[in-house]
């Protein structure tokens, strides 16, 4: 699976909330319990924008432009 850092569809490209990705998160969540942990806190963040088309890297470009205009 490919992952991005910024922009709308940062998960596996073309898969909306990939079941494989969610399954992987569940498996990773279980690892500390197997090592004896009594409590595990797992956070999954899904940032889904549907009001306009957003492409991988758009946010990075936007921040870079703002930094150039401020400097």
N, C-alpha and C. Protein backbone atom coordinates (compact mmCIF):
# COMPACT_ATOMS: atom_id res chain seq x y z
N UNK A 1 0.83 -1.18 0.00
CA UNK A 1 0.00 0.00 0.00
C UNK A 1 0.87 1.24 0.00
N UNK A 2 0.44 2.25 -0.72
CA UNK A 2 1.15 3.52 -0.73
C UNK A 2 0.39 4.51 0.15
N UNK A 3 1.15 5.33 0.87
CA UNK A 3 0.55 6.33 1.72
C UNK A 3 1.17 7.67 1.44
N UNK A 4 0.40 8.73 1.63
CA UNK A 4 0.91 10.07 1.45
C UNK A 4 0.99 10.78 2.78
N UNK A 5 1.43 12.06 2.74
CA UNK A 5 1.55 12.82 3.96
C UNK A 5 0.55 13.96 4.04
N UNK A 6 0.12 14.47 2.93
CA UNK A 6 -0.79 15.61 2.97
C UNK A 6 -1.75 15.53 1.81
N UNK A 7 -2.88 16.20 1.95
CA UNK A 7 -3.89 16.16 0.91
C UNK A 7 -4.99 15.21 1.30
N UNK A 8 -6.03 15.16 0.51
CA UNK A 8 -7.23 14.42 0.86
C UNK A 8 -7.11 12.93 0.99
N UNK A 9 -6.76 12.23 -0.03
CA UNK A 9 -6.80 10.77 -0.03
C UNK A 9 -5.44 10.20 0.36
N UNK A 10 -5.12 10.26 1.68
CA UNK A 10 -3.81 9.86 2.14
C UNK A 10 -3.68 8.37 2.39
N UNK A 11 -4.73 7.65 2.26
CA UNK A 11 -4.66 6.21 2.49
C UNK A 11 -4.22 5.50 1.25
N UNK A 12 -4.49 4.21 1.19
CA UNK A 12 -4.16 3.46 -0.02
C UNK A 12 -4.91 4.09 -1.18
N UNK A 13 -4.20 4.56 -2.17
CA UNK A 13 -4.81 5.34 -3.24
C UNK A 13 -5.91 4.55 -3.95
N UNK A 14 -7.07 5.17 -4.01
CA UNK A 14 -8.22 4.56 -4.68
C UNK A 14 -9.10 3.74 -3.76
N UNK A 15 -8.65 3.40 -2.58
CA UNK A 15 -9.46 2.64 -1.63
C UNK A 15 -10.01 3.57 -0.58
N UNK A 16 -11.32 3.63 -0.48
CA UNK A 16 -11.94 4.49 0.52
C UNK A 16 -12.03 3.73 1.82
N UNK A 17 -11.26 4.14 2.83
CA UNK A 17 -11.24 3.48 4.14
C UNK A 17 -11.01 1.99 3.95
N UNK A 18 -9.92 1.67 3.33
CA UNK A 18 -9.56 0.30 3.00
C UNK A 18 -9.80 -0.65 4.15
N UNK A 19 -10.59 -1.71 3.95
CA UNK A 19 -10.77 -2.71 4.99
C UNK A 19 -9.43 -3.32 5.41
N UNK A 20 -8.50 -3.46 4.48
CA UNK A 20 -7.19 -4.01 4.82
C UNK A 20 -6.46 -3.07 5.78
N UNK A 21 -6.57 -1.76 5.57
CA UNK A 21 -5.91 -0.79 6.43
C UNK A 21 -6.53 -0.83 7.84
N UNK A 22 -7.84 -0.88 7.91
CA UNK A 22 -8.50 -0.93 9.22
C UNK A 22 -8.18 -2.24 9.94
N UNK A 23 -8.10 -3.32 9.20
CA UNK A 23 -7.73 -4.61 9.78
C UNK A 23 -6.30 -4.55 10.33
N UNK A 24 -5.41 -3.93 9.58
CA UNK A 24 -4.03 -3.77 10.03
C UNK A 24 -3.98 -2.96 11.33
N UNK A 25 -4.74 -1.89 11.40
CA UNK A 25 -4.78 -1.07 12.62
C UNK A 25 -5.24 -1.90 13.81
N UNK A 26 -6.24 -2.74 13.60
CA UNK A 26 -6.73 -3.60 14.68
C UNK A 26 -5.65 -4.59 15.12
N UNK A 27 -4.94 -5.15 14.16
CA UNK A 27 -3.85 -6.10 14.50
C UNK A 27 -2.75 -5.39 15.28
N UNK A 28 -2.38 -4.18 14.86
CA UNK A 28 -1.34 -3.42 15.56
C UNK A 28 -1.78 -3.05 16.98
N UNK A 29 -3.06 -2.76 17.13
CA UNK A 29 -3.62 -2.43 18.44
C UNK A 29 -3.47 -3.60 19.42
N UNK A 30 -3.54 -4.81 18.92
CA UNK A 30 -3.46 -6.00 19.77
C UNK A 30 -2.04 -6.33 20.24
N UNK A 31 -1.02 -5.87 19.54
CA UNK A 31 0.37 -6.23 19.86
C UNK A 31 0.76 -5.91 21.30
N UNK A 32 0.49 -4.71 21.81
CA UNK A 32 0.89 -4.43 23.20
C UNK A 32 0.20 -5.35 24.22
N UNK A 33 -1.03 -5.75 23.95
CA UNK A 33 -1.70 -6.68 24.86
C UNK A 33 -0.96 -8.01 24.91
N UNK A 34 -0.47 -8.44 23.76
CA UNK A 34 0.30 -9.67 23.70
C UNK A 34 1.60 -9.59 24.47
N UNK A 35 2.08 -8.35 24.66
CA UNK A 35 3.33 -8.14 25.41
C UNK A 35 3.05 -7.84 26.88
N UNK A 36 1.78 -7.96 27.29
CA UNK A 36 1.44 -7.78 28.70
C UNK A 36 0.80 -6.47 29.08
N UNK A 37 0.56 -5.59 28.13
CA UNK A 37 -0.07 -4.31 28.46
C UNK A 37 -1.49 -4.54 28.97
N UNK A 38 -1.88 -3.74 29.94
CA UNK A 38 -3.24 -3.82 30.51
C UNK A 38 -4.20 -2.87 29.81
N UNK A 39 -3.66 -1.84 29.21
CA UNK A 39 -4.50 -0.85 28.52
C UNK A 39 -3.75 -0.34 27.31
N UNK A 40 -4.47 -0.20 26.20
CA UNK A 40 -3.88 0.32 24.96
C UNK A 40 -4.82 1.39 24.41
N UNK A 41 -4.25 2.51 24.01
CA UNK A 41 -5.01 3.62 23.44
C UNK A 41 -4.58 3.78 21.99
N UNK A 42 -5.49 3.57 21.08
CA UNK A 42 -5.19 3.67 19.64
C UNK A 42 -6.08 4.74 19.03
N UNK A 43 -5.49 5.61 18.23
CA UNK A 43 -6.24 6.67 17.56
C UNK A 43 -6.05 6.51 16.06
N UNK A 44 -7.14 6.51 15.33
CA UNK A 44 -7.10 6.49 13.88
C UNK A 44 -7.76 7.79 13.41
N UNK A 45 -7.03 8.55 12.63
CA UNK A 45 -7.56 9.82 12.13
C UNK A 45 -7.81 9.70 10.64
N UNK A 46 -9.03 9.98 10.25
CA UNK A 46 -9.40 9.98 8.83
C UNK A 46 -9.87 11.39 8.49
N UNK A 47 -9.15 12.04 7.62
CA UNK A 47 -9.50 13.40 7.18
C UNK A 47 -10.07 13.27 5.78
N UNK A 48 -11.37 13.44 5.65
CA UNK A 48 -12.07 13.19 4.40
C UNK A 48 -12.77 14.46 3.95
N UNK A 49 -12.28 15.05 2.88
CA UNK A 49 -12.86 16.29 2.38
C UNK A 49 -13.63 15.99 1.10
N UNK A 50 -14.91 16.38 1.06
CA UNK A 50 -15.74 16.10 -0.11
C UNK A 50 -16.36 17.33 -0.73
N UNK A 51 -16.04 18.51 -0.19
CA UNK A 51 -16.62 19.73 -0.75
C UNK A 51 -15.85 20.25 -1.96
N UNK A 52 -14.62 19.74 -2.16
CA UNK A 52 -13.85 20.10 -3.36
C UNK A 52 -12.79 19.03 -3.59
N UNK A 53 -12.29 18.99 -4.80
CA UNK A 53 -11.26 18.02 -5.18
C UNK A 53 -9.93 18.42 -4.54
N UNK A 54 -9.31 17.51 -3.82
CA UNK A 54 -8.03 17.76 -3.17
C UNK A 54 -7.07 16.67 -3.63
N UNK A 55 -5.87 17.09 -4.01
CA UNK A 55 -4.88 16.14 -4.51
C UNK A 55 -3.71 16.03 -3.54
N UNK A 56 -3.05 14.89 -3.57
CA UNK A 56 -1.90 14.64 -2.72
C UNK A 56 -0.88 15.76 -2.91
N UNK A 57 -0.48 16.38 -1.83
CA UNK A 57 0.52 17.44 -1.89
C UNK A 57 -0.04 18.85 -1.94
N UNK A 58 -1.35 19.01 -2.17
CA UNK A 58 -1.93 20.35 -2.25
C UNK A 58 -1.69 21.15 -0.96
N UNK A 59 -1.87 20.51 0.19
CA UNK A 59 -1.71 21.21 1.47
C UNK A 59 -0.25 21.60 1.67
N UNK A 60 0.67 20.71 1.32
CA UNK A 60 2.09 21.02 1.44
C UNK A 60 2.42 22.24 0.59
N UNK A 61 1.93 22.26 -0.63
CA UNK A 61 2.18 23.39 -1.53
C UNK A 61 1.60 24.67 -0.95
N UNK A 62 0.39 24.59 -0.39
CA UNK A 62 -0.25 25.76 0.20
C UNK A 62 0.56 26.31 1.36
N UNK A 63 1.05 25.44 2.24
CA UNK A 63 1.85 25.88 3.39
C UNK A 63 3.16 26.48 2.92
N UNK A 64 3.81 25.85 1.95
CA UNK A 64 5.07 26.39 1.42
C UNK A 64 4.87 27.78 0.83
N UNK A 65 3.77 27.99 0.11
CA UNK A 65 3.49 29.31 -0.46
C UNK A 65 3.28 30.35 0.63
N UNK A 66 2.57 29.97 1.69
CA UNK A 66 2.35 30.91 2.80
C UNK A 66 3.66 31.26 3.50
N UNK A 67 4.51 30.26 3.70
CA UNK A 67 5.80 30.52 4.34
C UNK A 67 6.66 31.46 3.50
N UNK A 68 6.64 31.30 2.17
CA UNK A 68 7.40 32.19 1.29
C UNK A 68 6.85 33.61 1.35
N UNK A 69 5.53 33.77 1.42
CA UNK A 69 4.94 35.11 1.43
C UNK A 69 5.15 35.82 2.76
N UNK A 70 5.31 35.05 3.85
CA UNK A 70 5.56 35.64 5.16
C UNK A 70 7.02 36.02 5.35
N UNK A 71 7.92 35.34 4.64
CA UNK A 71 9.36 35.54 4.84
C UNK A 71 9.90 36.57 3.97
